[in-house]
Amino acid sequence: MKELDNEDQKRQNISKDIFNLIKLIKQGNMLPAICFSFNRRRCEELAQLFKDYSLITENEKEIINKVWTKGIKTLSIEDQDMKSIS
């Protein structure tokens, strides 16, 4: 059982290291960047770790929303109402 606890601790430490690395990349204005995870479960864990961490500024969010809204308006009314779109 201690071996599992130790393994979980290692995973948490690595997750913190990756989180800190991404923060440094952002602070150093080195975005965009690509981070690979070759394990699906690990990829999902890391996605959860970053789910509340934004890599874009408020201004960039506004620009993205404008582009998204403009793009949606080019679709037919039926397509605009699709659940996968809204």
N, C-alpha and C. Protein backbone atom coordinates (compact mmCIF):
# COMPACT_ATOMS: atom_id res chain seq x y z
N MET A 1 0.82 -1.19 0.00
CA MET A 1 0.00 0.00 0.00
C MET A 1 0.87 1.26 0.00
N LYS A 2 2.00 1.23 0.71
CA LYS A 2 2.89 2.38 0.72
C LYS A 2 3.45 2.66 -0.67
N GLU A 3 3.63 1.60 -1.45
CA GLU A 3 4.15 1.78 -2.80
C GLU A 3 3.17 2.58 -3.65
N LEU A 4 1.88 2.31 -3.49
CA LEU A 4 0.87 3.08 -4.21
C LEU A 4 0.88 4.53 -3.76
N ASP A 5 0.97 4.75 -2.46
CA ASP A 5 1.01 6.11 -1.94
C ASP A 5 2.22 6.85 -2.49
N ASN A 6 3.35 6.17 -2.54
CA ASN A 6 4.57 6.77 -3.08
C ASN A 6 4.40 7.09 -4.57
N GLU A 7 3.77 6.20 -5.30
CA GLU A 7 3.53 6.42 -6.73
C GLU A 7 2.58 7.60 -6.93
N ASP A 8 1.54 7.68 -6.11
CA ASP A 8 0.63 8.82 -6.20
C ASP A 8 1.35 10.12 -5.89
N GLN A 9 2.24 10.10 -4.91
CA GLN A 9 3.01 11.29 -4.56
C GLN A 9 3.91 11.72 -5.72
N LYS A 10 4.52 10.75 -6.37
CA LYS A 10 5.36 11.06 -7.54
C LYS A 10 4.53 11.73 -8.63
N ARG A 11 3.33 11.19 -8.89
CA ARG A 11 2.46 11.75 -9.92
C ARG A 11 2.07 13.19 -9.57
N GLN A 12 1.77 13.43 -8.31
CA GLN A 12 1.40 14.78 -7.88
C GLN A 12 2.58 15.74 -8.04
N ASN A 13 3.77 15.28 -7.69
CA ASN A 13 4.95 16.13 -7.83
C ASN A 13 5.23 16.45 -9.30
N ILE A 14 5.09 15.45 -10.15
CA ILE A 14 5.30 15.68 -11.59
C ILE A 14 4.23 16.63 -12.11
N SER A 15 2.99 16.46 -11.66
CA SER A 15 1.92 17.36 -12.08
C SER A 15 2.23 18.80 -11.67
N LYS A 16 2.71 18.99 -10.47
CA LYS A 16 3.09 20.33 -10.01
C LYS A 16 4.23 20.88 -10.84
N ASP A 17 5.19 20.03 -11.18
CA ASP A 17 6.31 20.47 -12.02
C ASP A 17 5.83 20.92 -13.40
N ILE A 18 4.92 20.14 -13.99
CA ILE A 18 4.40 20.49 -15.31
C ILE A 18 3.59 21.79 -15.22
N PHE A 19 2.78 21.91 -14.17
CA PHE A 19 2.00 23.13 -13.97
C PHE A 19 2.93 24.33 -13.85
N ASN A 20 3.99 24.20 -13.06
CA ASN A 20 4.96 25.30 -12.90
C ASN A 20 5.68 25.61 -14.21
N LEU A 21 5.99 24.59 -14.98
CA LEU A 21 6.64 24.79 -16.28
C LEU A 21 5.73 25.60 -17.21
N ILE A 22 4.46 25.25 -17.27
CA ILE A 22 3.52 25.96 -18.12
C ILE A 22 3.37 27.41 -17.64
N LYS A 23 3.33 27.61 -16.34
CA LYS A 23 3.26 28.98 -15.80
C LYS A 23 4.48 29.79 -16.22
N LEU A 24 5.67 29.18 -16.16
CA LEU A 24 6.89 29.88 -16.57
C LEU A 24 6.88 30.21 -18.07
N ILE A 25 6.38 29.27 -18.86
CA ILE A 25 6.28 29.50 -20.29
C ILE A 25 5.36 30.69 -20.57
N LYS A 26 4.25 30.74 -19.85
CA LYS A 26 3.31 31.85 -20.01
C LYS A 26 3.95 33.16 -19.55
N GLN A 27 4.56 33.14 -18.38
CA GLN A 27 5.18 34.37 -17.84
C GLN A 27 6.31 34.85 -18.73
N GLY A 28 7.01 33.94 -19.36
CA GLY A 28 8.11 34.29 -20.24
C GLY A 28 7.66 34.67 -21.64
N ASN A 29 6.34 34.75 -21.82
CA ASN A 29 5.76 35.11 -23.11
C ASN A 29 6.28 34.19 -24.23
N MET A 30 6.30 32.88 -23.94
CA MET A 30 6.80 31.90 -24.90
C MET A 30 5.68 31.02 -25.46
N LEU A 31 4.46 31.52 -25.39
CA LEU A 31 3.33 30.79 -25.95
C LEU A 31 3.17 31.16 -27.42
N PRO A 32 2.66 30.32 -28.26
CA PRO A 32 2.13 29.00 -27.95
C PRO A 32 3.22 27.97 -27.73
N ALA A 33 2.85 26.95 -27.02
CA ALA A 33 3.76 25.83 -26.74
C ALA A 33 2.96 24.53 -26.80
N ILE A 34 3.64 23.45 -27.01
CA ILE A 34 2.99 22.13 -27.05
C ILE A 34 3.58 21.27 -25.95
N CYS A 35 2.70 20.62 -25.21
CA CYS A 35 3.11 19.69 -24.16
C CYS A 35 2.48 18.34 -24.48
N PHE A 36 3.29 17.31 -24.59
CA PHE A 36 2.80 15.99 -24.94
C PHE A 36 2.66 15.09 -23.72
N SER A 37 1.63 14.28 -23.73
CA SER A 37 1.47 13.20 -22.78
C SER A 37 1.11 11.97 -23.60
N PHE A 38 1.88 10.92 -23.46
CA PHE A 38 1.67 9.74 -24.29
C PHE A 38 0.77 8.70 -23.63
N ASN A 39 0.14 9.09 -22.52
CA ASN A 39 -0.75 8.21 -21.79
C ASN A 39 -2.10 8.90 -21.69
N ARG A 40 -3.14 8.25 -22.16
CA ARG A 40 -4.46 8.88 -22.18
C ARG A 40 -4.94 9.28 -20.78
N ARG A 41 -4.78 8.38 -19.84
CA ARG A 41 -5.20 8.67 -18.47
C ARG A 41 -4.44 9.87 -17.91
N ARG A 42 -3.16 9.90 -18.17
CA ARG A 42 -2.31 11.00 -17.70
C ARG A 42 -2.71 12.31 -18.37
N CYS A 43 -3.05 12.24 -19.64
CA CYS A 43 -3.50 13.42 -20.37
C CYS A 43 -4.77 13.98 -19.74
N GLU A 44 -5.69 13.11 -19.37
CA GLU A 44 -6.92 13.54 -18.72
C GLU A 44 -6.64 14.16 -17.35
N GLU A 45 -5.70 13.57 -16.61
CA GLU A 45 -5.33 14.12 -15.31
C GLU A 45 -4.75 15.52 -15.46
N LEU A 46 -3.88 15.69 -16.43
CA LEU A 46 -3.27 17.01 -16.66
C LEU A 46 -4.30 18.02 -17.14
N ALA A 47 -5.24 17.57 -17.96
CA ALA A 47 -6.30 18.48 -18.42
C ALA A 47 -7.11 18.97 -17.23
N GLN A 48 -7.40 18.09 -16.29
CA GLN A 48 -8.12 18.49 -15.08
C GLN A 48 -7.31 19.50 -14.27
N LEU A 49 -6.01 19.29 -14.21
CA LEU A 49 -5.13 20.19 -13.47
C LEU A 49 -5.19 21.61 -14.04
N PHE A 50 -5.32 21.72 -15.35
CA PHE A 50 -5.29 23.02 -16.02
C PHE A 50 -6.67 23.58 -16.34
N LYS A 51 -7.72 22.90 -15.94
CA LYS A 51 -9.06 23.31 -16.38
C LYS A 51 -9.43 24.73 -15.98
N ASP A 52 -8.92 25.24 -14.88
CA ASP A 52 -9.25 26.59 -14.42
C ASP A 52 -8.11 27.58 -14.66
N TYR A 53 -7.09 27.17 -15.39
CA TYR A 53 -5.93 28.03 -15.64
C TYR A 53 -6.00 28.53 -17.08
N SER A 54 -6.15 29.82 -17.23
CA SER A 54 -6.27 30.40 -18.57
C SER A 54 -4.91 30.81 -19.10
N LEU A 55 -4.67 30.49 -20.34
CA LEU A 55 -3.42 30.85 -21.00
C LEU A 55 -3.57 32.08 -21.89
N ILE A 56 -4.76 32.66 -21.90
CA ILE A 56 -4.99 33.83 -22.74
C ILE A 56 -5.47 35.01 -21.90
N THR A 57 -5.27 36.20 -22.42
CA THR A 57 -5.67 37.42 -21.72
C THR A 57 -7.16 37.68 -21.95
N GLU A 58 -7.70 38.62 -21.17
CA GLU A 58 -9.10 38.99 -21.35
C GLU A 58 -9.33 39.56 -22.75
N ASN A 59 -8.39 40.34 -23.24
CA ASN A 59 -8.50 40.90 -24.59
C ASN A 59 -8.54 39.78 -25.63
N GLU A 60 -7.69 38.77 -25.47
CA GLU A 60 -7.68 37.63 -26.40
C GLU A 60 -9.00 36.87 -26.33
N LYS A 61 -9.58 36.75 -25.12
CA LYS A 61 -10.89 36.09 -24.98
C LYS A 61 -11.96 36.84 -25.76
N GLU A 62 -11.94 38.16 -25.67
CA GLU A 62 -12.91 38.98 -26.41
C GLU A 62 -12.76 38.79 -27.92
N ILE A 63 -11.53 38.77 -28.39
CA ILE A 63 -11.27 38.57 -29.83
C ILE A 63 -11.78 37.20 -30.26
N ILE A 64 -11.49 36.18 -29.48
CA ILE A 64 -11.95 34.82 -29.80
C ILE A 64 -13.47 34.77 -29.85
N ASN A 65 -14.12 35.40 -28.87
CA ASN A 65 -15.59 35.41 -28.86
C ASN A 65 -16.16 36.12 -30.08
N LYS A 66 -15.54 37.21 -30.49
CA LYS A 66 -16.00 37.92 -31.68
C LYS A 66 -15.85 37.06 -32.94
N VAL A 67 -14.70 36.41 -33.07
CA VAL A 67 -14.46 35.54 -34.23
C VAL A 67 -15.46 34.38 -34.21
N TRP A 68 -15.68 33.78 -33.04
CA TRP A 68 -16.61 32.66 -32.89
C TRP A 68 -18.02 33.09 -33.30
N THR A 69 -18.47 34.22 -32.76
CA THR A 69 -19.81 34.71 -33.05
C THR A 69 -19.97 35.01 -34.54
N LYS A 70 -18.97 35.64 -35.13
CA LYS A 70 -19.01 35.94 -36.56
C LYS A 70 -19.06 34.65 -37.39
N GLY A 71 -18.28 33.66 -36.98
CA GLY A 71 -18.27 32.38 -37.69
C GLY A 71 -19.60 31.65 -37.58
N ILE A 72 -20.20 31.67 -36.40
CA ILE A 72 -21.49 31.01 -36.19
C ILE A 72 -22.57 31.63 -37.08
N LYS A 73 -22.52 32.95 -37.24
CA LYS A 73 -23.52 33.64 -38.06
C LYS A 73 -23.46 33.24 -39.52
N THR A 74 -22.36 32.66 -39.97
CA THR A 74 -22.27 32.22 -41.37
C THR A 74 -22.96 30.87 -41.59
N LEU A 75 -23.32 30.19 -40.51
CA LEU A 75 -23.99 28.89 -40.61
C LEU A 75 -25.48 29.07 -40.85
N SER A 76 -26.11 28.03 -41.34
CA SER A 76 -27.56 28.05 -41.48
C SER A 76 -28.18 28.09 -40.08
N ILE A 77 -29.43 28.53 -40.00
CA ILE A 77 -30.13 28.61 -38.71
C ILE A 77 -30.16 27.25 -38.03
N GLU A 78 -30.40 26.20 -38.82
CA GLU A 78 -30.45 24.84 -38.25
C GLU A 78 -29.11 24.46 -37.63
N ASP A 79 -28.04 24.79 -38.35
CA ASP A 79 -26.71 24.44 -37.85
C ASP A 79 -26.34 25.29 -36.63
N GLN A 80 -26.79 26.53 -36.60
CA GLN A 80 -26.50 27.40 -35.45
C GLN A 80 -27.14 26.84 -34.18
N ASP A 81 -28.26 26.13 -34.33
CA ASP A 81 -28.98 25.61 -33.16
C ASP A 81 -28.49 24.24 -32.70
N MET A 82 -27.51 23.69 -33.40
CA MET A 82 -27.01 22.36 -33.00
C MET A 82 -26.37 22.44 -31.62
N LYS A 83 -26.60 21.42 -30.80
CA LYS A 83 -26.03 21.40 -29.45
C LYS A 83 -24.52 21.45 -29.45
N SER A 84 -23.90 20.84 -30.45
CA SER A 84 -22.44 20.83 -30.51
C SER A 84 -21.87 22.21 -30.83
N ILE A 85 -22.69 23.12 -31.33
CA ILE A 85 -22.27 24.46 -31.65
C ILE A 85 -22.48 25.40 -30.47
N SER A 86 -23.62 25.28 -29.81
CA SER A 86 -23.95 26.22 -28.74
C SER A 86 -23.38 25.88 -27.40
